Amino acid sequence: MAINFADGSTQNHGGKIVQITHYQLDSVIYFNINSGGGYVIGGASSGLTISPKSSSNRIIIMGNIATSENNINGGLKWLLNGSTLLSGTVIWDVVTSSTYIGGSTAYTNGWNTADNSTGCSSQYGVGPCPINLITKSGLSLPSTCYFSLYAQTGSDTQVYINRQRNNNGGRGVSVLHAIEVEDS
């Protein structure tokens, strides 16, 4: 597909949007774990869902998670069908490379390794934490993609979604979109 400009020039481009799916989370989540890891939003076969029209296309994840002052002590990861890998390849174009605590298990293929805050640095606030990720080019996507947020802890971890840390009534709503685009 090409864009034709008024001066007669043409620019070829890819990345046509194929479809968009929507995921709204308005329930309150308090996630607390002392070791290992666990799903914060979704699971291996639940969460933000899209069924690609072509396995060679790419998926963009965009949106905002409403969160309070968290205590991550490790890393947060966006998983595709329960993993950060697809056929042995990291699914995201950009990943984290260090963490406050938890070592490489926490940060490898991670999305955010902030120690105490991802969107709001107050226990009385609920703020947006933006998500903008795109799958790597050249992956062969599964017929159904479930994107979920996973916490890998190095020690005591608490994540607050759609609520204040002190839980005195303040709430938020989290909204995510999966956008399938043609790989150029």
N, C-alpha and C. Protein backbone atom coordinates (compact mmCIF):
# COMPACT_ATOMS: atom_id res chain seq x y z
N MET A 1 0.85 -1.16 0.00
CA MET A 1 0.00 0.00 0.00
C MET A 1 0.90 1.23 0.00
N ALA A 2 0.47 2.27 -0.68
CA ALA A 2 1.28 3.47 -0.79
C ALA A 2 0.46 4.72 -0.45
N ILE A 3 1.17 5.73 0.01
CA ILE A 3 0.58 7.05 0.22
C ILE A 3 1.05 7.94 -0.91
N ASN A 4 0.12 8.57 -1.61
CA ASN A 4 0.46 9.49 -2.68
C ASN A 4 0.32 10.91 -2.17
N PHE A 5 1.39 11.70 -2.28
CA PHE A 5 1.41 13.07 -1.79
C PHE A 5 1.11 14.05 -2.92
N ALA A 6 0.69 15.26 -2.53
CA ALA A 6 0.30 16.30 -3.49
C ALA A 6 1.45 16.68 -4.43
N ASP A 7 2.69 16.55 -3.96
CA ASP A 7 3.83 16.92 -4.81
C ASP A 7 4.19 15.83 -5.81
N GLY A 8 3.41 14.73 -5.84
CA GLY A 8 3.64 13.65 -6.79
C GLY A 8 4.49 12.51 -6.24
N SER A 9 5.07 12.69 -5.08
CA SER A 9 5.89 11.62 -4.50
C SER A 9 5.00 10.56 -3.86
N THR A 10 5.57 9.39 -3.70
CA THR A 10 4.86 8.26 -3.13
C THR A 10 5.69 7.65 -2.01
N GLN A 11 5.04 7.24 -0.95
CA GLN A 11 5.72 6.56 0.15
C GLN A 11 5.04 5.23 0.39
N ASN A 12 5.80 4.14 0.25
CA ASN A 12 5.26 2.81 0.55
C ASN A 12 5.31 2.60 2.06
N HIS A 13 4.33 1.93 2.58
CA HIS A 13 4.30 1.66 4.01
C HIS A 13 3.55 0.36 4.28
N GLY A 14 3.87 -0.23 5.39
CA GLY A 14 3.15 -1.41 5.85
C GLY A 14 2.42 -1.05 7.13
N GLY A 15 2.04 -2.05 7.85
CA GLY A 15 1.45 -1.81 9.15
C GLY A 15 -0.03 -1.50 9.14
N LYS A 16 -0.74 -1.93 8.11
CA LYS A 16 -2.18 -1.71 8.06
C LYS A 16 -2.86 -2.38 9.26
N ILE A 17 -3.76 -1.67 9.91
CA ILE A 17 -4.50 -2.24 11.03
C ILE A 17 -5.49 -3.28 10.50
N VAL A 18 -5.44 -4.46 11.07
CA VAL A 18 -6.31 -5.56 10.65
C VAL A 18 -7.53 -5.65 11.56
N GLN A 19 -7.31 -5.59 12.88
CA GLN A 19 -8.41 -5.65 13.84
C GLN A 19 -7.94 -5.12 15.19
N ILE A 20 -8.91 -4.75 16.02
CA ILE A 20 -8.63 -4.26 17.37
C ILE A 20 -9.58 -4.96 18.33
N THR A 21 -9.03 -5.44 19.46
CA THR A 21 -9.88 -5.98 20.51
C THR A 21 -9.69 -5.13 21.76
N HIS A 22 -10.66 -5.20 22.63
CA HIS A 22 -10.73 -4.33 23.80
C HIS A 22 -10.88 -5.19 25.05
N TYR A 23 -10.21 -4.78 26.13
CA TYR A 23 -10.30 -5.47 27.41
C TYR A 23 -10.41 -4.41 28.49
N GLN A 24 -11.51 -4.42 29.20
CA GLN A 24 -11.70 -3.46 30.29
C GLN A 24 -11.76 -4.22 31.60
N LEU A 25 -10.95 -3.78 32.55
CA LEU A 25 -10.92 -4.39 33.86
C LEU A 25 -11.36 -3.34 34.86
N ASP A 26 -12.52 -3.54 35.46
CA ASP A 26 -12.99 -2.58 36.45
C ASP A 26 -13.06 -3.18 37.84
N SER A 27 -12.71 -4.45 37.98
CA SER A 27 -12.66 -5.06 39.31
C SER A 27 -11.37 -4.65 40.02
N VAL A 28 -11.41 -4.71 41.33
CA VAL A 28 -10.27 -4.34 42.16
C VAL A 28 -9.38 -5.57 42.36
N ILE A 29 -8.07 -5.39 42.18
CA ILE A 29 -7.12 -6.49 42.37
C ILE A 29 -6.08 -6.09 43.40
N TYR A 30 -5.91 -6.93 44.38
CA TYR A 30 -4.79 -6.80 45.31
C TYR A 30 -4.00 -8.10 45.19
N PHE A 31 -2.79 -8.00 44.65
CA PHE A 31 -1.94 -9.16 44.43
C PHE A 31 -0.80 -9.12 45.43
N ASN A 32 -0.62 -10.19 46.19
CA ASN A 32 0.40 -10.26 47.22
C ASN A 32 1.08 -11.62 47.15
N ILE A 33 2.41 -11.62 47.00
CA ILE A 33 3.15 -12.88 46.92
C ILE A 33 4.51 -12.69 47.57
N ASN A 34 4.99 -13.70 48.26
CA ASN A 34 6.28 -13.62 48.96
C ASN A 34 7.43 -14.25 48.19
N SER A 35 7.16 -15.20 47.29
CA SER A 35 8.21 -15.80 46.49
C SER A 35 7.60 -16.37 45.22
N GLY A 36 8.44 -16.59 44.23
CA GLY A 36 7.97 -17.15 42.97
C GLY A 36 7.29 -16.11 42.10
N GLY A 37 6.15 -16.47 41.55
CA GLY A 37 5.44 -15.55 40.67
C GLY A 37 3.98 -15.91 40.57
N GLY A 38 3.22 -15.05 39.92
CA GLY A 38 1.81 -15.29 39.74
C GLY A 38 1.17 -14.27 38.82
N TYR A 39 0.00 -14.62 38.31
CA TYR A 39 -0.74 -13.75 37.41
C TYR A 39 -1.42 -12.63 38.19
N VAL A 40 -1.24 -11.42 37.72
CA VAL A 40 -1.91 -10.25 38.30
C VAL A 40 -3.19 -9.97 37.51
N ILE A 41 -3.10 -9.99 36.19
CA ILE A 41 -4.24 -9.80 35.30
C ILE A 41 -4.24 -10.95 34.30
N GLY A 42 -5.38 -11.63 34.19
CA GLY A 42 -5.50 -12.72 33.22
C GLY A 42 -4.80 -13.98 33.68
N GLY A 43 -4.48 -14.84 32.73
CA GLY A 43 -3.82 -16.11 32.99
C GLY A 43 -3.31 -16.69 31.69
N ALA A 44 -2.88 -17.95 31.71
CA ALA A 44 -2.32 -18.58 30.51
C ALA A 44 -3.34 -18.67 29.38
N SER A 45 -4.64 -18.71 29.72
CA SER A 45 -5.68 -18.76 28.69
C SER A 45 -6.81 -17.79 29.01
N SER A 46 -6.42 -16.61 29.51
CA SER A 46 -7.41 -15.55 29.76
C SER A 46 -6.68 -14.21 29.77
N GLY A 47 -7.45 -13.14 29.77
CA GLY A 47 -6.89 -11.80 29.74
C GLY A 47 -7.25 -11.10 28.45
N LEU A 48 -6.40 -10.20 28.00
CA LEU A 48 -6.59 -9.50 26.73
C LEU A 48 -6.44 -10.53 25.61
N THR A 49 -7.49 -10.71 24.82
CA THR A 49 -7.52 -11.80 23.84
C THR A 49 -7.70 -11.28 22.43
N ILE A 50 -6.96 -11.89 21.50
CA ILE A 50 -7.12 -11.59 20.08
C ILE A 50 -6.80 -12.85 19.28
N SER A 51 -7.56 -13.08 18.21
CA SER A 51 -7.31 -14.21 17.31
C SER A 51 -6.82 -13.64 15.99
N PRO A 52 -5.49 -13.66 15.78
CA PRO A 52 -4.93 -13.03 14.58
C PRO A 52 -5.49 -13.61 13.29
N LYS A 53 -5.71 -12.72 12.31
CA LYS A 53 -6.17 -13.15 10.99
C LYS A 53 -5.04 -13.83 10.23
N SER A 54 -3.78 -13.46 10.58
CA SER A 54 -2.60 -14.08 9.98
C SER A 54 -1.55 -14.28 11.06
N SER A 55 -0.94 -15.45 11.10
CA SER A 55 0.07 -15.74 12.12
C SER A 55 1.34 -14.93 11.92
N SER A 56 1.53 -14.33 10.74
CA SER A 56 2.74 -13.55 10.47
C SER A 56 2.57 -12.07 10.81
N ASN A 57 1.37 -11.66 11.23
CA ASN A 57 1.16 -10.27 11.61
C ASN A 57 1.77 -10.00 12.98
N ARG A 58 1.74 -8.74 13.39
CA ARG A 58 2.25 -8.34 14.69
C ARG A 58 1.09 -7.83 15.54
N ILE A 59 1.27 -7.89 16.88
CA ILE A 59 0.25 -7.41 17.81
C ILE A 59 0.83 -6.28 18.63
N ILE A 60 0.12 -5.16 18.67
CA ILE A 60 0.47 -4.03 19.51
C ILE A 60 -0.46 -4.05 20.72
N ILE A 61 0.12 -3.97 21.90
CA ILE A 61 -0.66 -3.86 23.14
C ILE A 61 -0.57 -2.42 23.60
N MET A 62 -1.72 -1.77 23.73
CA MET A 62 -1.77 -0.38 24.18
C MET A 62 -2.84 -0.24 25.24
N GLY A 63 -2.63 0.68 26.14
CA GLY A 63 -3.64 0.96 27.15
C GLY A 63 -3.04 1.53 28.41
N ASN A 64 -3.84 1.54 29.45
CA ASN A 64 -3.42 2.04 30.75
C ASN A 64 -3.94 1.11 31.84
N ILE A 65 -3.06 0.81 32.77
CA ILE A 65 -3.44 0.07 33.97
C ILE A 65 -3.56 1.11 35.09
N ALA A 66 -4.69 1.14 35.76
CA ALA A 66 -4.88 2.05 36.89
C ALA A 66 -4.25 1.38 38.12
N THR A 67 -3.23 2.02 38.68
CA THR A 67 -2.48 1.39 39.76
C THR A 67 -2.10 2.41 40.82
N SER A 68 -1.85 1.91 42.01
CA SER A 68 -1.44 2.75 43.12
C SER A 68 0.05 2.55 43.37
N GLU A 69 0.52 2.96 44.51
CA GLU A 69 1.91 2.74 44.89
C GLU A 69 2.12 1.26 45.14
N ASN A 70 2.84 0.61 44.24
CA ASN A 70 3.10 -0.82 44.34
C ASN A 70 4.42 -1.09 45.03
N ASN A 71 4.63 -2.33 45.40
CA ASN A 71 5.89 -2.78 45.96
C ASN A 71 6.28 -4.02 45.16
N ILE A 72 6.93 -3.81 44.02
CA ILE A 72 7.15 -4.91 43.08
C ILE A 72 8.26 -5.86 43.55
N ASN A 73 9.41 -5.34 43.92
CA ASN A 73 10.53 -6.19 44.36
C ASN A 73 10.77 -7.36 43.42
N GLY A 74 10.87 -7.08 42.17
CA GLY A 74 11.10 -8.10 41.15
C GLY A 74 10.78 -7.50 39.80
N GLY A 75 9.89 -8.15 39.05
CA GLY A 75 9.54 -7.64 37.74
C GLY A 75 8.14 -8.00 37.34
N LEU A 76 7.57 -7.14 36.50
CA LEU A 76 6.27 -7.41 35.87
C LEU A 76 6.53 -7.78 34.42
N LYS A 77 5.82 -8.78 33.94
CA LYS A 77 6.01 -9.27 32.58
C LYS A 77 4.66 -9.41 31.90
N TRP A 78 4.60 -9.06 30.63
CA TRP A 78 3.42 -9.33 29.82
C TRP A 78 3.67 -10.65 29.10
N LEU A 79 2.82 -11.62 29.37
CA LEU A 79 2.97 -12.95 28.79
C LEU A 79 2.01 -13.16 27.64
N LEU A 80 2.42 -13.98 26.71
CA LEU A 80 1.57 -14.43 25.61
C LEU A 80 1.32 -15.92 25.84
N ASN A 81 0.08 -16.28 26.09
CA ASN A 81 -0.31 -17.66 26.36
C ASN A 81 0.59 -18.30 27.44
N GLY A 82 0.87 -17.51 28.48
CA GLY A 82 1.60 -18.03 29.64
C GLY A 82 3.11 -18.00 29.55
N SER A 83 3.67 -17.32 28.55
CA SER A 83 5.12 -17.32 28.39
C SER A 83 5.62 -16.00 27.82
N THR A 84 6.90 -15.70 28.07
CA THR A 84 7.55 -14.55 27.44
C THR A 84 8.24 -14.98 26.16
N LEU A 85 8.18 -16.27 25.84
CA LEU A 85 8.82 -16.82 24.65
C LEU A 85 7.78 -17.46 23.73
N LEU A 86 8.04 -17.43 22.44
CA LEU A 86 7.21 -18.11 21.45
C LEU A 86 8.18 -18.87 20.56
N SER A 87 8.13 -20.18 20.61
CA SER A 87 9.07 -21.04 19.88
C SER A 87 10.52 -20.66 20.17
N GLY A 88 10.80 -20.35 21.44
CA GLY A 88 12.15 -20.04 21.87
C GLY A 88 12.60 -18.61 21.63
N THR A 89 11.72 -17.77 21.07
CA THR A 89 12.06 -16.37 20.77
C THR A 89 11.29 -15.44 21.70
N VAL A 90 11.98 -14.44 22.24
CA VAL A 90 11.33 -13.42 23.07
C VAL A 90 10.24 -12.75 22.23
N ILE A 91 9.05 -12.57 22.79
CA ILE A 91 7.93 -12.06 22.00
C ILE A 91 7.94 -10.55 21.78
N TRP A 92 8.57 -9.79 22.70
CA TRP A 92 8.50 -8.33 22.62
C TRP A 92 9.76 -7.74 21.99
N ASP A 93 9.59 -6.61 21.30
CA ASP A 93 10.73 -5.90 20.71
C ASP A 93 11.64 -5.30 21.77
N VAL A 94 11.08 -4.85 22.89
CA VAL A 94 11.87 -4.20 23.94
C VAL A 94 11.56 -4.86 25.27
N VAL A 95 12.61 -5.18 26.04
CA VAL A 95 12.43 -5.79 27.36
C VAL A 95 13.40 -5.15 28.35
N THR A 96 13.16 -5.36 29.65
CA THR A 96 14.02 -4.78 30.68
C THR A 96 15.33 -5.56 30.80
N SER A 97 16.33 -4.92 31.43
CA SER A 97 17.64 -5.56 31.54
C SER A 97 18.20 -5.56 32.96
N SER A 98 17.44 -5.06 33.93
CA SER A 98 17.91 -5.11 35.32
C SER A 98 16.72 -4.95 36.26
N THR A 99 16.97 -5.17 37.56
CA THR A 99 15.92 -5.03 38.56
C THR A 99 16.54 -4.67 39.90
N TYR A 100 15.75 -4.12 40.78
CA TYR A 100 16.19 -3.78 42.12
C TYR A 100 16.52 -5.04 42.91
N ILE A 101 15.67 -6.05 42.81
CA ILE A 101 15.85 -7.30 43.54
C ILE A 101 15.23 -8.43 42.72
N GLY A 102 15.74 -9.60 42.84
CA GLY A 102 15.17 -10.75 42.13
C GLY A 102 16.03 -11.29 41.02
N GLY A 103 17.06 -10.54 40.62
CA GLY A 103 17.98 -11.03 39.61
C GLY A 103 17.36 -11.26 38.25
N SER A 104 18.05 -12.06 37.44
CA SER A 104 17.64 -12.24 36.05
C SER A 104 16.30 -12.94 35.92
N THR A 105 15.91 -13.75 36.88
CA THR A 105 14.59 -14.39 36.82
C THR A 105 13.49 -13.35 36.79
N ALA A 106 13.68 -12.27 37.55
CA ALA A 106 12.67 -11.22 37.63
C ALA A 106 12.67 -10.31 36.40
N TYR A 107 13.84 -9.98 35.86
CA TYR A 107 13.86 -9.00 34.77
C TYR A 107 13.91 -9.60 33.37
N THR A 108 14.33 -10.84 33.21
CA THR A 108 14.46 -11.41 31.87
C THR A 108 13.12 -11.37 31.15
N ASN A 109 13.11 -10.71 30.00
CA ASN A 109 11.92 -10.53 29.16
C ASN A 109 10.83 -9.75 29.89
N GLY A 110 11.21 -8.92 30.84
CA GLY A 110 10.25 -8.16 31.63
C GLY A 110 9.79 -6.89 30.97
N TRP A 111 8.75 -6.31 31.58
CA TRP A 111 8.17 -5.06 31.10
C TRP A 111 8.47 -3.92 32.05
N ASN A 112 8.42 -4.17 33.36
CA ASN A 112 8.64 -3.10 34.32
C ASN A 112 9.24 -3.70 35.58
N THR A 113 10.36 -3.12 36.05
CA THR A 113 10.99 -3.62 37.28
C THR A 113 11.14 -2.50 38.30
N ALA A 114 10.24 -1.54 38.26
CA ALA A 114 10.26 -0.47 39.26
C ALA A 114 10.14 -1.07 40.65
N ASP A 115 10.85 -0.50 41.61
CA ASP A 115 10.81 -1.04 42.97
C ASP A 115 9.46 -0.80 43.63
N ASN A 116 8.99 0.44 43.64
CA ASN A 116 7.80 0.76 44.42
C ASN A 116 6.63 1.35 43.64
N SER A 117 6.82 1.79 42.44
CA SER A 117 5.71 2.46 41.79
C SER A 117 5.75 2.25 40.30
N THR A 118 4.59 2.00 39.71
CA THR A 118 4.49 1.86 38.27
C THR A 118 3.66 2.96 37.64
N GLY A 119 2.73 3.53 38.36
CA GLY A 119 1.88 4.56 37.78
C GLY A 119 1.59 5.69 38.73
N CYS A 120 1.68 5.44 40.02
CA CYS A 120 1.35 6.44 41.02
C CYS A 120 2.25 6.20 42.23
N SER A 121 2.83 7.25 42.75
CA SER A 121 3.76 7.08 43.87
C SER A 121 3.15 7.50 45.20
N SER A 122 1.85 7.33 45.33
CA SER A 122 1.17 7.67 46.58
C SER A 122 0.21 6.55 46.95
N GLN A 123 0.19 6.18 48.21
CA GLN A 123 -0.74 5.15 48.65
C GLN A 123 -2.18 5.64 48.62
N TYR A 124 -2.38 6.95 48.46
CA TYR A 124 -3.73 7.52 48.39
C TYR A 124 -4.17 7.81 46.96
N GLY A 125 -3.34 7.47 45.98
CA GLY A 125 -3.66 7.77 44.60
C GLY A 125 -3.88 6.53 43.76
N VAL A 126 -4.54 6.73 42.63
CA VAL A 126 -4.68 5.71 41.59
C VAL A 126 -4.32 6.42 40.30
N GLY A 127 -3.23 5.99 39.66
CA GLY A 127 -2.77 6.67 38.46
C GLY A 127 -2.60 5.73 37.29
N PRO A 128 -2.53 6.28 36.07
CA PRO A 128 -2.37 5.44 34.89
C PRO A 128 -0.93 4.99 34.71
N CYS A 129 -0.77 3.74 34.38
CA CYS A 129 0.52 3.19 33.99
C CYS A 129 0.38 2.76 32.53
N PRO A 130 0.98 3.51 31.59
CA PRO A 130 0.78 3.21 30.18
C PRO A 130 1.48 1.95 29.72
N ILE A 131 0.87 1.25 28.80
CA ILE A 131 1.44 0.06 28.18
C ILE A 131 1.47 0.30 26.68
N ASN A 132 2.64 0.14 26.09
CA ASN A 132 2.82 0.24 24.64
C ASN A 132 3.87 -0.78 24.24
N LEU A 133 3.45 -1.94 23.80
CA LEU A 133 4.35 -3.01 23.41
C LEU A 133 3.97 -3.53 22.04
N ILE A 134 4.95 -4.06 21.31
CA ILE A 134 4.68 -4.69 20.01
C ILE A 134 5.46 -5.98 19.92
N THR A 135 4.80 -7.02 19.39
CA THR A 135 5.48 -8.29 19.23
C THR A 135 6.57 -8.16 18.16
N LYS A 136 7.58 -8.99 18.28
CA LYS A 136 8.69 -8.98 17.32
C LYS A 136 8.22 -9.38 15.94
N SER A 137 8.87 -8.83 14.96
CA SER A 137 8.63 -9.21 13.58
C SER A 137 9.16 -10.63 13.36
N GLY A 138 8.46 -11.40 12.54
CA GLY A 138 8.93 -12.73 12.18
C GLY A 138 8.42 -13.85 13.06
N LEU A 139 7.67 -13.52 14.12
CA LEU A 139 7.08 -14.57 14.95
C LEU A 139 5.93 -15.24 14.21
N SER A 140 5.65 -16.47 14.55
CA SER A 140 4.46 -17.15 14.06
C SER A 140 3.47 -17.19 15.21
N LEU A 141 2.51 -16.27 15.17
CA LEU A 141 1.56 -16.13 16.27
C LEU A 141 0.60 -17.31 16.33
N PRO A 142 0.20 -17.70 17.56
CA PRO A 142 -0.80 -18.76 17.69
C PRO A 142 -2.17 -18.29 17.20
N SER A 143 -3.10 -19.22 17.01
CA SER A 143 -4.42 -18.87 16.48
C SER A 143 -5.21 -18.01 17.46
N THR A 144 -4.97 -18.16 18.75
CA THR A 144 -5.57 -17.29 19.76
C THR A 144 -4.46 -16.83 20.69
N CYS A 145 -4.40 -15.53 20.92
CA CYS A 145 -3.38 -14.94 21.78
C CYS A 145 -4.04 -14.39 23.04
N TYR A 146 -3.56 -14.86 24.19
CA TYR A 146 -4.01 -14.37 25.48
C TYR A 146 -2.85 -13.61 26.12
N PHE A 147 -3.02 -12.31 26.33
CA PHE A 147 -1.98 -11.50 26.96
C PHE A 147 -2.35 -11.27 28.42
N SER A 148 -1.41 -11.54 29.31
CA SER A 148 -1.66 -11.42 30.74
C SER A 148 -0.46 -10.77 31.43
N LEU A 149 -0.74 -10.13 32.56
CA LEU A 149 0.31 -9.50 33.36
C LEU A 149 0.72 -10.44 34.47
N TYR A 150 2.03 -10.68 34.58
CA TYR A 150 2.59 -11.64 35.52
C TYR A 150 3.62 -10.95 36.39
N ALA A 151 3.61 -11.25 37.68
CA ALA A 151 4.61 -10.70 38.60
C ALA A 151 5.59 -11.79 38.99
N GLN A 152 6.88 -11.53 38.78
CA GLN A 152 7.94 -12.44 39.22
C GLN A 152 8.66 -11.74 40.37
N THR A 153 8.55 -12.28 41.57
CA THR A 153 9.06 -11.58 42.74
C THR A 153 10.44 -12.05 43.15
N GLY A 154 11.18 -11.11 43.73
CA GLY A 154 12.45 -11.43 44.35
C GLY A 154 12.28 -11.55 45.85
N SER A 155 11.24 -10.93 46.36
CA SER A 155 10.85 -11.01 47.77
C SER A 155 9.41 -10.53 47.86
N ASP A 156 9.00 -10.05 48.97
CA ASP A 156 7.63 -9.62 49.23
C ASP A 156 7.13 -8.62 48.17
N THR A 157 6.07 -8.97 47.44
CA THR A 157 5.55 -8.15 46.34
C THR A 157 4.06 -7.88 46.55
N GLN A 158 3.67 -6.61 46.37
CA GLN A 158 2.26 -6.24 46.37
C GLN A 158 1.98 -5.38 45.14
N VAL A 159 0.91 -5.69 44.43
CA VAL A 159 0.48 -4.91 43.27
C VAL A 159 -0.99 -4.57 43.49
N TYR A 160 -1.32 -3.30 43.28
CA TYR A 160 -2.68 -2.79 43.48
C TYR A 160 -3.22 -2.30 42.14
N ILE A 161 -4.26 -2.95 41.65
CA ILE A 161 -4.86 -2.58 40.37
C ILE A 161 -6.26 -2.04 40.63
N ASN A 162 -6.55 -0.88 40.07
CA ASN A 162 -7.86 -0.22 40.16
C ASN A 162 -8.25 0.15 41.59
N ARG A 163 -7.27 0.31 42.47
CA ARG A 163 -7.56 0.71 43.85
C ARG A 163 -6.35 1.40 44.46
N GLN A 164 -6.62 2.15 45.51
CA GLN A 164 -5.54 2.78 46.26
C GLN A 164 -4.85 1.74 47.13
N ARG A 165 -3.58 1.98 47.42
CA ARG A 165 -2.85 1.07 48.30
C ARG A 165 -3.50 1.01 49.69
N ASN A 166 -3.91 2.16 50.21
CA ASN A 166 -4.52 2.17 51.55
C ASN A 166 -5.98 1.73 51.53
N ASN A 167 -6.54 1.56 50.34
CA ASN A 167 -7.89 1.02 50.13
C ASN A 167 -8.97 1.76 50.90
N ASN A 168 -8.93 3.10 50.85
CA ASN A 168 -9.98 3.85 51.53
C ASN A 168 -11.10 4.29 50.59
N GLY A 169 -11.21 3.63 49.44
CA GLY A 169 -12.34 3.89 48.55
C GLY A 169 -11.99 4.38 47.16
N GLY A 170 -10.81 4.93 46.95
CA GLY A 170 -10.44 5.41 45.61
C GLY A 170 -10.30 4.25 44.63
N ARG A 171 -10.86 4.43 43.43
CA ARG A 171 -10.86 3.37 42.42
C ARG A 171 -10.46 3.90 41.05
N GLY A 172 -10.11 2.99 40.17
CA GLY A 172 -9.78 3.31 38.79
C GLY A 172 -10.32 2.21 37.88
N VAL A 173 -10.17 2.40 36.58
CA VAL A 173 -10.55 1.41 35.58
C VAL A 173 -9.36 1.24 34.64
N SER A 174 -9.01 0.00 34.34
CA SER A 174 -7.91 -0.31 33.43
C SER A 174 -8.47 -0.73 32.08
N VAL A 175 -7.87 -0.20 31.01
CA VAL A 175 -8.34 -0.49 29.66
C VAL A 175 -7.14 -0.86 28.79
N LEU A 176 -7.26 -1.98 28.07
CA LEU A 176 -6.20 -2.44 27.18
C LEU A 176 -6.79 -2.73 25.80
N HIS A 177 -5.94 -2.57 24.79
CA HIS A 177 -6.32 -2.89 23.41
C HIS A 177 -5.24 -3.76 22.78
N ALA A 178 -5.65 -4.76 22.05
CA ALA A 178 -4.75 -5.56 21.21
C ALA A 178 -5.04 -5.14 19.78
N ILE A 179 -4.01 -4.68 19.08
CA ILE A 179 -4.17 -4.19 17.71
C ILE A 179 -3.34 -5.06 16.80
N GLU A 180 -4.00 -5.78 15.91
CA GLU A 180 -3.28 -6.60 14.93
C GLU A 180 -2.93 -5.73 13.73
N VAL A 181 -1.65 -5.74 13.37
CA VAL A 181 -1.19 -4.99 12.20
C VAL A 181 -0.42 -5.90 11.27
N GLU A 182 -0.50 -5.60 9.98
CA GLU A 182 0.29 -6.36 9.02
C GLU A 182 1.76 -6.07 9.26
N ASP A 183 2.58 -7.10 9.17
CA ASP A 183 4.02 -6.93 9.30
C ASP A 183 4.56 -6.45 7.96
N SER A 184 5.27 -5.31 8.00
CA SER A 184 5.75 -4.76 6.72
C SER A 184 7.04 -5.38 6.28
